[in-house]
Amino acid sequence: MAADGIVLVTGGSRGIGAATATLLAGQGQRVVIVDVAPEPLPGTRAILWPAPFDVASESAVVNGIADIEAAHGPITGLVNAAGVFGKMHRIERVRMDQWDREVNIDLRGTFMVARSVGVRMAQRRYGAIVNVASVAGMTSGPIHAYTAAKAGVIQLTQTLAAEWGRAGVRVNAVSPGFTRTIALEAGIVSGAMNKALMERNVALNRMVEPVEVSQAIAWLLSPMSSGVTGINLPVDAGFIAGSTWAAYGGLPDGPGANEERQ
């Protein structure tokens, strides 16, 4: 990051956004977090933008970005982490108002924030953007709007990387697998999601921790990935790698696994 710049994290008050803001601030970055329901991150130096930031509103995004840069300086790093998870329904039960809400936040919102920030970065000829997609955008499932939106984020990432590459702006994405956020834990407790089924075909046999996603994001923002643009990096504990093994009897246990269970 440039010494006089800031990293903006959308959806920064909770989940992966909060984990990323906490990690980056701990590394000494100047981090500003925005959220539709803004809450500070206790114990960190992350700066809270106090006004609600609705990524689905074009005027809120355009005016908000201008105000944030006027108050805190140029945005040299952007983490597009704002998003909502999909409603799980059979296709005939998908309501179009739910579809529109998910697509407006997860895809349209990602595009509007990336455009508002990326155009400024391109004019300054410096910057890095990381969009939070999902393995849901690389696979299929009964979360129809969400999978479509996240697939769009992955494609959008490639397009923006090509658009702004020669202006010195890098654009990448991360695709988390099942990540142990408060929201996901609540879904497990309520019975809406099954932890054992989520982990069964994951190579590492566990969910992803939010900090693991944030570490990948931090790398993609940093000079250590200076030659990397236009990629989608799964951070899924091996969900994609192990997803087809059920057809062959399931993933093998490692050596000594039986002894460990005794």
Protein backbone atom coordinates (compact mmCIF):
# COMPACT_ATOMS: atom_id res chain seq x y z
CA MET A 1 0.00 0.00 0.00
CA ALA A 2 1.07 3.58 -0.55
CA ALA A 3 2.21 5.29 2.63
CA ASP A 4 -0.37 8.05 2.33
CA GLY A 5 -3.26 5.81 1.26
CA ILE A 6 -6.02 3.95 3.04
CA VAL A 7 -7.58 0.52 2.68
CA LEU A 8 -11.36 0.60 2.46
CA VAL A 9 -13.24 -2.49 3.64
CA THR A 10 -16.93 -2.75 2.84
CA GLY A 11 -19.01 -4.90 5.16
CA GLY A 12 -16.24 -4.22 7.65
CA SER A 13 -18.25 -4.41 10.87
CA ARG A 14 -18.78 -8.17 10.82
CA GLY A 15 -17.75 -11.49 9.29
CA ILE A 16 -14.91 -11.73 6.79
CA GLY A 17 -14.85 -7.94 6.42
CA ALA A 18 -14.24 -7.45 10.14
CA ALA A 19 -11.56 -10.16 10.22
CA THR A 20 -9.80 -8.52 7.27
CA ALA A 21 -9.99 -5.02 8.72
CA THR A 22 -8.63 -6.29 12.03
CA LEU A 23 -5.71 -8.08 10.37
CA LEU A 24 -4.78 -5.16 8.11
CA ALA A 25 -5.00 -2.62 10.93
CA GLY A 26 -2.80 -4.89 13.04
CA GLN A 27 -0.24 -4.86 10.22
CA GLY A 28 -0.10 -1.07 10.45
CA GLN A 29 -2.36 -0.25 7.51
CA ARG A 30 -4.71 2.74 7.70
CA VAL A 31 -8.06 0.99 7.42
CA VAL A 32 -11.50 2.55 7.03
CA ILE A 33 -14.50 0.26 7.43
CA VAL A 34 -17.97 0.91 6.05
CA ASP A 35 -21.15 -1.05 6.64
CA VAL A 36 -24.88 -0.71 6.11
CA ALA A 37 -25.15 -1.11 9.90
CA PRO A 38 -21.85 0.45 11.03
CA GLU A 39 -20.32 -0.82 14.26
CA PRO A 40 -16.75 -0.20 15.47
CA LEU A 41 -14.20 -2.98 15.88
CA PRO A 42 -13.10 -2.83 19.53
CA GLY A 43 -9.40 -3.21 20.16
CA THR A 44 -8.32 -2.25 16.65
CA ARG A 45 -7.16 0.93 14.96
CA ALA A 46 -9.63 0.50 12.14
CA ILE A 47 -11.51 3.74 11.48
CA LEU A 48 -15.28 3.46 11.38
CA TRP A 49 -17.14 5.51 8.78
CA PRO A 50 -20.17 6.39 10.91
CA ALA A 51 -22.76 6.85 8.16
CA PRO A 52 -24.59 3.75 6.87
CA PHE A 53 -23.02 2.65 3.57
CA ASP A 54 -25.47 0.83 1.32
CA VAL A 55 -23.58 -0.80 -1.55
CA ALA A 56 -26.87 -1.36 -3.39
CA SER A 57 -27.47 2.41 -3.69
CA GLU A 58 -25.56 4.12 -6.48
CA SER A 59 -25.82 7.57 -4.91
CA ALA A 60 -24.71 6.26 -1.52
CA VAL A 61 -21.67 4.60 -3.10
CA VAL A 62 -20.60 7.49 -5.32
CA ASN A 63 -21.08 10.16 -2.65
CA GLY A 64 -19.68 7.96 0.11
CA ILE A 65 -16.44 7.21 -1.75
CA ALA A 66 -15.92 10.90 -2.50
CA ASP A 67 -16.54 11.84 1.14
CA ILE A 68 -14.25 9.11 2.49
CA GLU A 69 -11.36 10.18 0.26
CA ALA A 70 -11.92 13.83 1.18
CA ALA A 71 -11.76 12.93 4.86
CA HIS A 72 -9.05 10.25 4.94
CA GLY A 73 -7.02 10.44 1.73
CA PRO A 74 -6.79 8.30 -1.41
CA ILE A 75 -8.03 4.72 -1.34
CA THR A 76 -5.10 2.56 -2.44
CA GLY A 77 -6.62 -0.76 -1.37
CA LEU A 78 -10.21 -1.94 -1.55
CA VAL A 79 -11.79 -5.05 -0.05
CA ASN A 80 -15.31 -5.67 -1.35
CA ALA A 81 -16.62 -7.83 1.50
CA ALA A 82 -20.19 -6.53 1.81
CA GLY A 83 -22.71 -9.21 0.94
CA VAL A 84 -25.71 -11.26 1.96
CA PHE A 85 -26.07 -15.04 1.91
CA GLY A 86 -28.73 -16.66 -0.23
CA LYS A 87 -32.09 -18.05 0.74
CA MET A 88 -32.20 -21.82 0.20
CA HIS A 89 -35.25 -22.71 -1.88
CA ARG A 90 -36.38 -24.99 -4.64
CA ILE A 91 -36.33 -23.06 -7.89
CA GLU A 92 -40.12 -22.67 -8.06
CA ARG A 93 -40.15 -21.03 -4.63
CA VAL A 94 -37.57 -18.34 -5.40
CA ARG A 95 -39.18 -14.95 -4.92
CA MET A 96 -37.97 -12.27 -7.28
CA ASP A 97 -37.73 -9.66 -4.52
CA GLN A 98 -35.28 -11.98 -2.73
CA TRP A 99 -33.43 -12.59 -6.00
CA ASP A 100 -33.14 -8.85 -6.65
CA ARG A 101 -31.92 -8.12 -3.11
CA GLU A 102 -29.14 -10.70 -3.27
CA VAL A 103 -28.00 -9.76 -6.76
CA ASN A 104 -28.20 -6.03 -6.02
CA ILE A 105 -25.97 -6.35 -2.96
CA ASP A 106 -23.61 -9.18 -3.94
CA LEU A 107 -23.02 -8.39 -7.62
CA ARG A 108 -24.33 -4.93 -8.46
CA GLY A 109 -22.96 -3.52 -5.21
CA THR A 110 -19.54 -5.07 -5.78
CA PHE A 111 -19.46 -3.56 -9.26
CA MET A 112 -20.51 -0.07 -8.14
CA VAL A 113 -17.97 0.12 -5.31
CA ALA A 114 -15.18 -1.32 -7.49
CA ARG A 115 -16.01 1.14 -10.27
CA SER A 116 -16.19 4.17 -7.98
CA VAL A 117 -12.88 3.32 -6.32
CA GLY A 118 -11.12 1.76 -9.34
CA VAL A 119 -11.63 4.75 -11.62
CA ARG A 120 -9.89 6.92 -9.03
CA MET A 121 -7.10 4.37 -8.64
CA ALA A 122 -6.61 4.23 -12.41
CA GLN A 123 -6.33 8.01 -12.60
CA ARG A 124 -3.61 7.84 -9.92
CA ARG A 125 -2.12 4.75 -11.63
CA TYR A 126 -1.91 2.75 -8.44
CA GLY A 127 -4.12 0.44 -6.39
CA ALA A 128 -5.29 -3.07 -5.56
CA ILE A 129 -8.82 -4.41 -5.26
CA VAL A 130 -9.96 -7.73 -3.78
CA ASN A 131 -13.53 -8.87 -4.32
CA VAL A 132 -15.00 -11.49 -1.99
CA ALA A 133 -16.72 -14.09 -4.17
CA SER A 134 -17.52 -17.65 -3.03
CA VAL A 135 -17.04 -21.28 -3.97
CA ALA A 136 -20.82 -21.11 -4.47
CA GLY A 137 -20.04 -19.14 -7.63
CA MET A 138 -17.90 -22.05 -8.85
CA THR A 139 -20.32 -24.87 -8.01
CA SER A 140 -24.08 -25.35 -7.74
CA GLY A 141 -26.59 -25.37 -4.91
CA PRO A 142 -30.13 -24.39 -3.90
CA ILE A 143 -29.11 -20.75 -3.35
CA HIS A 144 -29.89 -19.69 -6.87
CA ALA A 145 -29.47 -15.91 -6.77
CA TYR A 146 -26.37 -16.15 -4.57
CA THR A 147 -24.57 -18.64 -6.84
CA ALA A 148 -25.37 -16.53 -9.89
CA ALA A 149 -24.24 -13.31 -8.19
CA LYS A 150 -20.97 -14.78 -6.95
CA ALA A 151 -20.21 -16.29 -10.36
CA GLY A 152 -20.74 -12.79 -11.71
CA VAL A 153 -18.27 -11.39 -9.19
CA ILE A 154 -15.63 -13.84 -10.41
CA GLN A 155 -16.18 -12.86 -14.03
CA LEU A 156 -16.33 -9.16 -13.13
CA THR A 157 -12.96 -9.49 -11.40
CA GLN A 158 -11.32 -10.69 -14.62
CA THR A 159 -12.94 -7.93 -16.66
CA LEU A 160 -11.82 -5.16 -14.29
CA ALA A 161 -8.31 -6.62 -14.10
CA ALA A 162 -8.03 -6.34 -17.87
CA GLU A 163 -9.69 -2.91 -17.92
CA TRP A 164 -7.32 -1.30 -15.44
CA GLY A 165 -4.17 -3.41 -15.64
CA ARG A 166 -2.22 -0.95 -17.78
CA ALA A 167 -3.22 1.84 -15.41
CA GLY A 168 -1.39 0.05 -12.58
CA VAL A 169 -4.46 -1.31 -10.78
CA ARG A 170 -4.65 -4.99 -9.81
CA VAL A 171 -8.03 -6.71 -9.29
CA ASN A 172 -8.39 -10.18 -7.77
CA ALA A 173 -11.00 -12.25 -5.97
CA VAL A 174 -11.08 -14.75 -3.14
CA SER A 175 -13.69 -17.49 -2.95
CA PRO A 176 -14.21 -18.68 0.61
CA GLY A 177 -15.68 -22.08 1.35
CA PHE A 178 -17.89 -22.67 4.38
CA THR A 179 -16.43 -20.08 6.74
CA ARG A 180 -17.01 -20.11 10.50
CA THR A 181 -18.57 -16.68 10.85
CA ILE A 182 -21.13 -15.77 13.50
CA ALA A 183 -23.86 -15.92 10.86
CA LEU A 184 -22.89 -19.45 9.80
CA GLU A 185 -22.63 -20.62 13.41
CA ALA A 186 -26.13 -19.26 14.01
CA GLY A 187 -27.38 -21.26 11.02
CA ILE A 188 -25.85 -24.42 12.47
CA VAL A 189 -27.36 -23.82 15.91
CA SER A 190 -30.79 -23.17 14.39
CA GLY A 191 -30.62 -26.43 12.43
CA ALA A 192 -30.77 -24.69 9.04
CA MET A 193 -27.27 -25.97 8.22
CA ASN A 194 -25.54 -29.25 9.03
CA LYS A 195 -21.92 -28.95 10.15
CA ALA A 196 -21.10 -32.62 9.57
CA LEU A 197 -22.41 -32.52 6.01
CA MET A 198 -20.54 -29.29 5.28
CA GLU A 199 -17.25 -30.82 6.40
CA ARG A 200 -17.68 -34.38 5.08
CA ASN A 201 -16.21 -33.78 1.61
CA VAL A 202 -13.71 -31.06 2.58
CA ALA A 203 -10.11 -32.21 2.19
CA LEU A 204 -9.00 -30.66 5.50
CA ASN A 205 -12.15 -31.95 7.22
CA ARG A 206 -13.13 -28.60 8.70
CA MET A 207 -14.59 -25.21 7.99
CA VAL A 208 -12.48 -22.19 7.05
CA GLU A 209 -11.68 -19.60 9.73
CA PRO A 210 -12.38 -15.95 8.84
CA VAL A 211 -8.76 -15.03 9.55
CA GLU A 212 -7.62 -17.53 6.89
CA VAL A 213 -9.66 -15.68 4.28
CA SER A 214 -8.32 -12.34 5.52
CA GLN A 215 -4.73 -13.58 5.22
CA ALA A 216 -5.32 -14.41 1.56
CA ILE A 217 -6.88 -10.99 1.02
CA ALA A 218 -3.93 -9.28 2.72
CA TRP A 219 -1.52 -11.12 0.43
CA LEU A 220 -3.46 -10.09 -2.68
CA LEU A 221 -3.39 -6.46 -1.55
CA SER A 222 0.31 -6.52 -0.78
CA PRO A 223 3.42 -6.04 -2.96
CA MET A 224 4.15 -9.76 -2.44
CA SER A 225 1.50 -10.46 -5.10
CA SER A 226 2.62 -7.65 -7.42
CA GLY A 227 2.50 -9.91 -10.50
CA VAL A 228 -0.95 -11.30 -9.74
CA THR A 229 -4.12 -9.87 -11.25
CA GLY A 230 -7.39 -11.29 -12.56
CA ILE A 231 -7.33 -14.46 -10.47
CA ASN A 232 -9.95 -16.07 -8.26
CA LEU A 233 -8.29 -17.71 -5.24
CA PRO A 234 -10.39 -20.35 -3.45
CA VAL A 235 -9.87 -20.37 0.32
CA ASP A 236 -11.99 -23.41 1.01
CA ALA A 237 -9.98 -25.93 3.08
CA GLY A 238 -10.14 -28.20 0.03
CA PHE A 239 -13.90 -28.13 -0.51
CA ILE A 240 -13.61 -28.05 -4.30
CA ALA A 241 -10.79 -30.61 -4.34
CA GLY A 242 -12.78 -33.09 -2.24
CA SER A 243 -16.28 -32.43 -3.52
CA THR A 244 -16.42 -35.37 -5.97
CA TRP A 245 -14.81 -37.99 -3.72
CA ALA A 246 -18.15 -39.15 -2.28
CA ALA A 247 -18.74 -40.95 -5.59
CA TYR A 248 -15.61 -43.01 -4.90
CA GLY A 249 -16.37 -43.90 -1.31
CA GLY A 250 -15.33 -40.68 0.36
CA LEU A 251 -12.09 -39.01 1.32
CA PRO A 252 -9.45 -41.24 2.94
CA ASP A 253 -8.39 -40.72 6.51
CA GLY A 254 -4.72 -39.95 7.04
CA PRO A 255 -2.25 -42.51 8.42
CA GLY A 256 -2.85 -43.18 12.09
CA ALA A 257 -6.37 -41.77 12.05
CA ASN A 258 -7.87 -44.92 13.57
CA GLU A 259 -5.33 -44.91 16.39
CA GLU A 260 -6.13 -41.26 17.14
CA ARG A 261 -9.82 -42.09 17.57
CA GLN A 262 -9.10 -44.88 20.12
